[in-house]
């Protein structure tokens, strides 16, 4: 069973759906931009390491970017256990 984490960014004060991280384990999780996000020519990549494409990014690319966004220590454990 795949776990799914929905990714949003804030653009001009509005949450915008960007895509999903999907995988059975953290080691297999990959990020994919949503077709809706890709269809808007004004939208930009969320990172230079994750250029706009319809293809899924590898688990390594996904982890490298998103792991750096998470807090450390106690707060990270709280985020990880939140359901």
PDB file of N, CA and C in Angstrom:
ATOM      1  N   UNK A   1       0.848  -1.188   0.000  1.00  0.00           N
ATOM      2  CA  UNK A   1       0.000   0.000   0.000  1.00  0.00           C
ATOM      3  C   UNK A   1       0.886   1.242   0.000  1.00  0.00           C
ATOM      4  N   UNK A   2       0.659   2.136  -0.922  1.00  0.00           N
ATOM      5  CA  UNK A   2       1.434   3.372  -1.008  1.00  0.00           C
ATOM      6  C   UNK A   2       0.909   4.420  -0.037  1.00  0.00           C
ATOM      7  N   UNK A   3       1.832   5.061   0.637  1.00  0.00           N
ATOM      8  CA  UNK A   3       1.499   6.232   1.444  1.00  0.00           C
ATOM      9  C   UNK A   3       1.620   7.453   0.551  1.00  0.00           C
ATOM     10  N   UNK A   4       0.792   8.445   0.819  1.00  0.00           N
ATOM     11  CA  UNK A   4       0.806   9.646  -0.014  1.00  0.00           C
ATOM     12  C   UNK A   4       0.839  10.884   0.868  1.00  0.00           C
ATOM     13  N   UNK A   5       1.734  11.790   0.529  1.00  0.00           N
ATOM     14  CA  UNK A   5       1.842  13.077   1.194  1.00  0.00           C
ATOM     15  C   UNK A   5       1.610  14.151   0.133  1.00  0.00           C
ATOM     16  N   UNK A   6       0.606  14.989   0.352  1.00  0.00           N
ATOM     17  CA  UNK A   6       0.273  16.043  -0.595  1.00  0.00           C
ATOM     18  C   UNK A   6       1.131  17.271  -0.307  1.00  0.00           C
ATOM     19  N   UNK A   7       1.696  17.860  -1.357  1.00  0.00           N
ATOM     20  CA  UNK A   7       2.611  18.988  -1.235  1.00  0.00           C
ATOM     21  C   UNK A   7       1.933  20.265  -1.726  1.00  0.00           C
ATOM     22  N   UNK A   8       1.996  21.301  -0.890  1.00  0.00           N
ATOM     23  CA  UNK A   8       1.474  22.622  -1.229  1.00  0.00           C
ATOM     24  C   UNK A   8       2.584  23.642  -1.039  1.00  0.00           C
ATOM     25  N   UNK A   9       2.497  24.751  -1.770  1.00  0.00           N
ATOM     26  CA  UNK A   9       3.341  25.913  -1.511  1.00  0.00           C
ATOM     27  C   UNK A   9       2.424  27.121  -1.407  1.00  0.00           C
ATOM     28  N   UNK A  10       2.948  28.174  -0.830  1.00  0.00           N
ATOM     29  CA  UNK A  10       2.177  29.410  -0.729  1.00  0.00           C
ATOM     30  C   UNK A  10       2.610  30.361  -1.838  1.00  0.00           C
ATOM     31  N   UNK A  11       1.633  30.813  -2.606  1.00  0.00           N
ATOM     32  CA  UNK A  11       1.882  31.792  -3.661  1.00  0.00           C
ATOM     33  C   UNK A  11       0.944  32.964  -3.418  1.00  0.00           C
ATOM     34  N   UNK A  12       1.530  34.117  -3.133  1.00  0.00           N
ATOM     35  CA  UNK A  12       0.745  35.330  -2.871  1.00  0.00           C
ATOM     36  C   UNK A  12      -0.333  35.108  -1.805  1.00  0.00           C
ATOM     37  N   UNK A  13       0.037  34.408  -0.734  1.00  0.00           N
ATOM     38  CA  UNK A  13      -0.878  34.197   0.379  1.00  0.00           C
ATOM     39  C   UNK A  13      -1.887  33.082   0.189  1.00  0.00           C
ATOM     40  N   UNK A  14      -1.786  32.338  -0.906  1.00  0.00           N
ATOM     41  CA  UNK A  14      -2.723  31.259  -1.184  1.00  0.00           C
ATOM     42  C   UNK A  14      -1.970  29.928  -1.262  1.00  0.00           C
ATOM     43  N   UNK A  15      -2.508  28.887  -0.623  1.00  0.00           N
ATOM     44  CA  UNK A  15      -1.924  27.552  -0.738  1.00  0.00           C
ATOM     45  C   UNK A  15      -2.244  26.982  -2.104  1.00  0.00           C
ATOM     46  N   UNK A  16      -1.207  26.534  -2.784  1.00  0.00           N
ATOM     47  CA  UNK A  16      -1.356  25.977  -4.126  1.00  0.00           C
ATOM     48  C   UNK A  16      -0.851  24.540  -4.108  1.00  0.00           C
ATOM     49  N   UNK A  17      -1.689  23.630  -4.596  1.00  0.00           N
ATOM     50  CA  UNK A  17      -1.339  22.213  -4.697  1.00  0.00           C
ATOM     51  C   UNK A  17      -0.260  22.053  -5.752  1.00  0.00           C
ATOM     52  N   UNK A  18       0.863  21.427  -5.360  1.00  0.00           N
ATOM     53  CA  UNK A  18       2.004  21.270  -6.252  1.00  0.00           C
ATOM     54  C   UNK A  18       2.110  19.843  -6.772  1.00  0.00           C
ATOM     55  N   UNK A  19       1.921  18.869  -5.897  1.00  0.00           N
ATOM     56  CA  UNK A  19       2.083  17.478  -6.300  1.00  0.00           C
ATOM     57  C   UNK A  19       2.026  16.566  -5.102  1.00  0.00           C
ATOM     58  N   UNK A  20       2.557  15.354  -5.270  1.00  0.00           N
ATOM     59  CA  UNK A  20       2.488  14.344  -4.217  1.00  0.00           C
ATOM     60  C   UNK A  20       3.815  13.616  -4.071  1.00  0.00           C
ATOM     61  N   UNK A  21       4.081  13.209  -2.837  1.00  0.00           N
ATOM     62  CA  UNK A  21       5.170  12.285  -2.547  1.00  0.00           C
ATOM     63  C   UNK A  21       4.489  10.952  -2.251  1.00  0.00           C
ATOM     64  N   UNK A  22       4.855   9.918  -2.991  1.00  0.00           N
ATOM     65  CA  UNK A  22       4.203   8.621  -2.855  1.00  0.00           C
ATOM     66  C   UNK A  22       5.268   7.539  -2.711  1.00  0.00           C
ATOM     67  N   UNK A  23       5.038   6.621  -1.762  1.00  0.00           N
ATOM     68  CA  UNK A  23       5.937   5.487  -1.584  1.00  0.00           C
ATOM     69  C   UNK A  23       5.522   4.611  -0.434  1.00  0.00           C
ATOM     70  N   UNK A  24       5.987   3.380  -0.455  1.00  0.00           N
ATOM     71  CA  UNK A  24       5.697   2.437   0.622  1.00  0.00           C
ATOM     72  C   UNK A  24       6.557   2.710   1.856  1.00  0.00           C
ATOM     73  N   UNK A  25       7.760   3.197   1.631  1.00  0.00           N
ATOM     74  CA  UNK A  25       8.701   3.497   2.712  1.00  0.00           C
ATOM     75  C   UNK A  25       9.389   4.816   2.383  1.00  0.00           C
ATOM     76  N   UNK A  26      10.037   5.439   3.371  1.00  0.00           N
ATOM     77  CA  UNK A  26      10.794   6.658   3.057  1.00  0.00           C
ATOM     78  C   UNK A  26      11.857   6.428   1.977  1.00  0.00           C
ATOM     79  N   UNK A  27      12.416   5.235   1.930  1.00  0.00           N
ATOM     80  CA  UNK A  27      13.454   4.938   0.942  1.00  0.00           C
ATOM     81  C   UNK A  27      12.898   4.793  -0.472  1.00  0.00           C
ATOM     82  N   UNK A  28      11.572   4.583  -0.604  1.00  0.00           N
ATOM     83  CA  UNK A  28      10.983   4.413  -1.933  1.00  0.00           C
ATOM     84  C   UNK A  28      10.102   5.590  -2.345  1.00  0.00           C
ATOM     85  N   UNK A  29      10.029   6.623  -1.514  1.00  0.00           N
ATOM     86  CA  UNK A  29       9.128   7.752  -1.777  1.00  0.00           C
ATOM     87  C   UNK A  29       9.658   8.627  -2.910  1.00  0.00           C
ATOM     88  N   UNK A  30       8.772   8.934  -3.861  1.00  0.00           N
ATOM     89  CA  UNK A  30       9.160   9.795  -4.972  1.00  0.00           C
ATOM     90  C   UNK A  30       8.140  10.917  -5.134  1.00  0.00           C
ATOM     91  N   UNK A  31       8.630  12.066  -5.600  1.00  0.00           N
ATOM     92  CA  UNK A  31       7.788  13.239  -5.793  1.00  0.00           C
ATOM     93  C   UNK A  31       7.404  13.369  -7.257  1.00  0.00           C
ATOM     94  N   UNK A  32       6.142  13.768  -7.496  1.00  0.00           N
ATOM     95  CA  UNK A  32       5.645  14.033  -8.840  1.00  0.00           C
ATOM     96  C   UNK A  32       4.808  15.305  -8.804  1.00  0.00           C
ATOM     97  N   UNK A  33       5.094  16.235  -9.717  1.00  0.00           N
ATOM     98  CA  UNK A  33       4.258  17.430  -9.844  1.00  0.00           C
ATOM     99  C   UNK A  33       2.870  17.028 -10.342  1.00  0.00           C
ATOM    100  N   UNK A  34       1.857  17.741  -9.891  1.00  0.00           N
ATOM    101  CA  UNK A  34       0.499  17.480 -10.368  1.00  0.00           C
ATOM    102  C   UNK A  34       0.327  18.036 -11.785  1.00  0.00           C
ATOM    103  N   UNK A  35      -0.519  17.400 -12.591  1.00  0.00           N
ATOM    104  CA  UNK A  35      -0.802  17.940 -13.927  1.00  0.00           C
ATOM    105  C   UNK A  35      -1.362  19.359 -13.862  1.00  0.00           C
ATOM    106  N   UNK A  36      -2.159  19.652 -12.828  1.00  0.00           N
ATOM    107  CA  UNK A  36      -2.739  20.993 -12.675  1.00  0.00           C
ATOM    108  C   UNK A  36      -1.643  22.034 -12.475  1.00  0.00           C
ATOM    109  N   UNK A  37      -0.657  21.712 -11.640  1.00  0.00           N
ATOM    110  CA  UNK A  37       0.438  22.650 -11.389  1.00  0.00           C
ATOM    111  C   UNK A  37       1.264  22.849 -12.654  1.00  0.00           C
ATOM    112  N   UNK A  38       1.524  21.768 -13.361  1.00  0.00           N
ATOM    113  CA  UNK A  38       2.324  21.858 -14.584  1.00  0.00           C
ATOM    114  C   UNK A  38       1.611  22.621 -15.697  1.00  0.00           C
ATOM    115  N   UNK A  39       0.288  22.595 -15.699  1.00  0.00           N
ATOM    116  CA  UNK A  39      -0.465  23.221 -16.789  1.00  0.00           C
ATOM    117  C   UNK A  39      -0.491  24.745 -16.704  1.00  0.00           C
ATOM    118  N   UNK A  40      -0.133  25.317 -15.555  1.00  0.00           N
ATOM    119  CA  UNK A  40      -0.123  26.768 -15.400  1.00  0.00           C
ATOM    120  C   UNK A  40       1.274  27.285 -15.740  1.00  0.00           C
ATOM    121  N   UNK A  41       1.389  28.010 -16.832  1.00  0.00           N
ATOM    122  CA  UNK A  41       2.701  28.482 -17.292  1.00  0.00           C
ATOM    123  C   UNK A  41       3.353  29.487 -16.349  1.00  0.00           C
ATOM    124  N   UNK A  42       2.597  30.041 -15.412  1.00  0.00           N
ATOM    125  CA  UNK A  42       3.166  30.983 -14.450  1.00  0.00           C
ATOM    126  C   UNK A  42       3.828  30.278 -13.263  1.00  0.00           C
ATOM    127  N   UNK A  43       3.536  29.007 -13.043  1.00  0.00           N
ATOM    128  CA  UNK A  43       4.124  28.272 -11.923  1.00  0.00           C
ATOM    129  C   UNK A  43       5.587  27.964 -12.186  1.00  0.00           C
ATOM    130  N   UNK A  44       6.348  27.965 -11.130  1.00  0.00           N
ATOM    131  CA  UNK A  44       7.787  27.721 -11.189  1.00  0.00           C
ATOM    132  C   UNK A  44       8.124  26.453 -10.419  1.00  0.00           C
ATOM    133  N   UNK A  45       9.302  25.865 -10.675  1.00  0.00           N
ATOM    134  CA  UNK A  45       9.722  24.695  -9.904  1.00  0.00           C
ATOM    135  C   UNK A  45       9.840  25.051  -8.419  1.00  0.00           C
ATOM    136  N   UNK A  46       9.608  24.087  -7.561  1.00  0.00           N
ATOM    137  CA  UNK A  46       9.771  24.339  -6.125  1.00  0.00           C
ATOM    138  C   UNK A  46      11.239  24.342  -5.736  1.00  0.00           C
ATOM    139  N   UNK A  47      12.087  23.849  -6.628  1.00  0.00           N
ATOM    140  CA  UNK A  47      13.528  23.833  -6.399  1.00  0.00           C
ATOM    141  C   UNK A  47      14.225  23.687  -7.745  1.00  0.00           C
ATOM    142  N   UNK A  48      15.442  24.233  -7.851  1.00  0.00           N
ATOM    143  CA  UNK A  48      16.185  24.016  -9.093  1.00  0.00           C
ATOM    144  C   UNK A  48      16.551  22.540  -9.248  1.00  0.00           C
ATOM    145  N   UNK A  49      16.595  21.810  -8.125  1.00  0.00           N
ATOM    146  CA  UNK A  49      16.897  20.382  -8.190  1.00  0.00           C
ATOM    147  C   UNK A  49      15.674  19.547  -8.579  1.00  0.00           C
ATOM    148  N   UNK A  50      14.487  20.183  -8.632  1.00  0.00           N
ATOM    149  CA  UNK A  50      13.259  19.499  -9.043  1.00  0.00           C
ATOM    150  C   UNK A  50      12.584  20.326 -10.150  1.00  0.00           C
ATOM    151  N   UNK A  51      13.161  20.313 -11.365  1.00  0.00           N
ATOM    152  CA  UNK A  51      12.601  21.113 -12.451  1.00  0.00           C
ATOM    153  C   UNK A  51      11.201  20.627 -12.834  1.00  0.00           C
ATOM    154  N   UNK A  52      10.446  21.501 -13.453  1.00  0.00           N
ATOM    155  CA  UNK A  52       9.085  21.142 -13.865  1.00  0.00           C
ATOM    156  C   UNK A  52       9.127  20.038 -14.910  1.00  0.00           C
ATOM    157  N   UNK A  53       8.512  18.916 -14.581  1.00  0.00           N
ATOM    158  CA  UNK A  53       8.428  17.772 -15.489  1.00  0.00           C
ATOM    159  C   UNK A  53       7.272  16.894 -15.042  1.00  0.00           C
ATOM    160  N   UNK A  54       6.718  16.147 -15.970  1.00  0.00           N
ATOM    161  CA  UNK A  54       5.640  15.224 -15.635  1.00  0.00           C
ATOM    162  C   UNK A  54       6.145  13.909 -15.076  1.00  0.00           C
ATOM    163  N   UNK A  55       7.444  13.675 -15.155  1.00  0.00           N
ATOM    164  CA  UNK A  55       8.035  12.436 -14.656  1.00  0.00           C
ATOM    165  C   UNK A  55       8.228  12.508 -13.139  1.00  0.00           C
ATOM    166  N   UNK A  56       8.212  11.353 -12.505  1.00  0.00           N
ATOM    167  CA  UNK A  56       8.489  11.280 -11.069  1.00  0.00           C
ATOM    168  C   UNK A  56       9.981  11.424 -10.829  1.00  0.00           C
ATOM    169  N   UNK A  57      10.321  12.046  -9.697  1.00  0.00           N
ATOM    170  CA  UNK A  57      11.722  12.168  -9.308  1.00  0.00           C
ATOM    171  C   UNK A  57      12.115  10.943  -8.493  1.00  0.00           C
ATOM    172  N   UNK A  58      13.369  10.603  -8.538  1.00  0.00           N
ATOM    173  CA  UNK A  58      13.857   9.426  -7.819  1.00  0.00           C
ATOM    174  C   UNK A  58      13.720   9.633  -6.314  1.00  0.00           C
ATOM    175  N   UNK A  59      13.685   8.538  -5.562  1.00  0.00           N
ATOM    176  CA  UNK A  59      13.656   8.674  -4.104  1.00  0.00           C
ATOM    177  C   UNK A  59      14.848   9.486  -3.575  1.00  0.00           C
ATOM    178  N   UNK A  60      15.995   9.366  -4.204  1.00  0.00           N
ATOM    179  CA  UNK A  60      17.172  10.117  -3.763  1.00  0.00           C
ATOM    180  C   UNK A  60      16.979  11.619  -3.976  1.00  0.00           C
ATOM    181  N   UNK A  61      16.466  12.007  -5.132  1.00  0.00           N
ATOM    182  CA  UNK A  61      16.213  13.423  -5.408  1.00  0.00           C
ATOM    183  C   UNK A  61      15.137  13.963  -4.464  1.00  0.00           C
ATOM    184  N   UNK A  62      14.105  13.173  -4.251  1.00  0.00           N
ATOM    185  CA  UNK A  62      13.002  13.576  -3.378  1.00  0.00           C
ATOM    186  C   UNK A  62      13.505  13.793  -1.961  1.00  0.00           C
ATOM    187  N   UNK A  63      14.254  12.828  -1.437  1.00  0.00           N
ATOM    188  CA  UNK A  63      14.761  12.930  -0.068  1.00  0.00           C
ATOM    189  C   UNK A  63      15.714  14.111   0.078  1.00  0.00           C
ATOM    190  N   UNK A  64      16.586  14.301  -0.892  1.00  0.00           N
ATOM    191  CA  UNK A  64      17.575  15.386  -0.798  1.00  0.00           C
ATOM    192  C   UNK A  64      16.898  16.740  -0.624  1.00  0.00           C
ATOM    193  N   UNK A  65      15.803  16.983  -1.344  1.00  0.00           N
ATOM    194  CA  UNK A  65      15.128  18.269  -1.232  1.00  0.00           C
ATOM    195  C   UNK A  65      14.239  18.352   0.001  1.00  0.00           C
ATOM    196  N   UNK A  66      13.328  17.416   0.151  1.00  0.00           N
ATOM    197  CA  UNK A  66      12.323  17.522   1.209  1.00  0.00           C
ATOM    198  C   UNK A  66      12.895  17.279   2.604  1.00  0.00           C
ATOM    199  N   UNK A  67      13.914  16.450   2.718  1.00  0.00           N
ATOM    200  CA  UNK A  67      14.515  16.200   4.032  1.00  0.00           C
ATOM    201  C   UNK A  67      15.088  17.482   4.620  1.00  0.00           C
ATOM    202  N   UNK A  68      15.599  18.365   3.767  1.00  0.00           N
ATOM    203  CA  UNK A  68      16.162  19.624   4.232  1.00  0.00           C
ATOM    204  C   UNK A  68      15.126  20.620   4.728  1.00  0.00           C
ATOM    205  N   UNK A  69      13.853  20.378   4.432  1.00  0.00           N
ATOM    206  CA  UNK A  69      12.788  21.286   4.861  1.00  0.00           C
ATOM    207  C   UNK A  69      12.242  20.955   6.245  1.00  0.00           C
ATOM    208  N   UNK A  70      12.497  19.744   6.698  1.00  0.00           N
ATOM    209  CA  UNK A  70      11.924  19.304   7.974  1.00  0.00           C
ATOM    210  C   UNK A  70      12.716  19.837   9.159  1.00  0.00           C
ATOM    211  N   UNK A  71      12.032  20.081  10.278  1.00  0.00           N
ATOM    212  CA  UNK A  71      12.732  20.516  11.494  1.00  0.00           C
ATOM    213  C   UNK A  71      13.552  19.353  12.068  1.00  0.00           C
ATOM    214  N   UNK A  72      14.333  19.637  13.075  1.00  0.00           N
ATOM    215  CA  UNK A  72      15.174  18.622  13.719  1.00  0.00           C
ATOM    216  C   UNK A  72      14.632  18.248  15.096  1.00  0.00           C
ATOM    217  N   UNK A  73      15.159  17.170  15.652  1.00  0.00           N
ATOM    218  CA  UNK A  73      14.907  16.785  17.036  1.00  0.00           C
ATOM    219  C   UNK A  73      13.457  16.484  17.369  1.00  0.00           C
ATOM    220  N   UNK A  74      13.021  17.001  18.529  1.00  0.00           N
ATOM    221  CA  UNK A  74      11.684  16.743  19.055  1.00  0.00           C
ATOM    222  C   UNK A  74      10.592  17.159  18.069  1.00  0.00           C
ATOM    223  N   UNK A  75      10.739  18.319  17.463  1.00  0.00           N
ATOM    224  CA  UNK A  75       9.722  18.812  16.528  1.00  0.00           C
ATOM    225  C   UNK A  75       9.608  17.887  15.321  1.00  0.00           C
ATOM    226  N   UNK A  76      10.721  17.377  14.845  1.00  0.00           N
ATOM    227  CA  UNK A  76      10.695  16.441  13.712  1.00  0.00           C
ATOM    228  C   UNK A  76       9.960  15.169  14.086  1.00  0.00           C
ATOM    229  N   UNK A  77      10.196  14.660  15.303  1.00  0.00           N
ATOM    230  CA  UNK A  77       9.482  13.443  15.752  1.00  0.00           C
ATOM    231  C   UNK A  77       7.991  13.709  15.846  1.00  0.00           C
ATOM    232  N   UNK A  78       7.605  14.879  16.294  1.00  0.00           N
ATOM    233  CA  UNK A  78       6.179  15.227  16.385  1.00  0.00           C
ATOM    234  C   UNK A  78       5.540  15.265  14.987  1.00  0.00           C
ATOM    235  N   UNK A  79       6.243  15.856  14.024  1.00  0.00           N
ATOM    236  CA  UNK A  79       5.729  15.923  12.657  1.00  0.00           C
ATOM    237  C   UNK A  79       5.602  14.512  12.088  1.00  0.00           C
ATOM    238  N   UNK A  80       6.595  13.675  12.343  1.00  0.00           N
ATOM    239  CA  UNK A  80       6.603  12.317  11.797  1.00  0.00           C
ATOM    240  C   UNK A  80       5.491  11.445  12.345  1.00  0.00           C
ATOM    241  N   UNK A  81       5.065  11.695  13.574  1.00  0.00           N
ATOM    242  CA  UNK A  81       4.032  10.852  14.176  1.00  0.00           C
ATOM    243  C   UNK A  81       2.627  11.421  14.021  1.00  0.00           C
ATOM    244  N   UNK A  82       2.508  12.656  13.522  1.00  0.00           N
ATOM    245  CA  UNK A  82       1.183  13.263  13.347  1.00  0.00           C
ATOM    246  C   UNK A  82       0.409  12.514  12.263  1.00  0.00           C
ATOM    247  N   UNK A  83      -0.813  12.149  12.560  1.00  0.00           N
ATOM    248  CA  UNK A  83      -1.648  11.396  11.617  1.00  0.00           C
ATOM    249  C   UNK A  83      -2.747  12.258  11.085  1.00  0.00           C
TER     250      UNK A  83
END
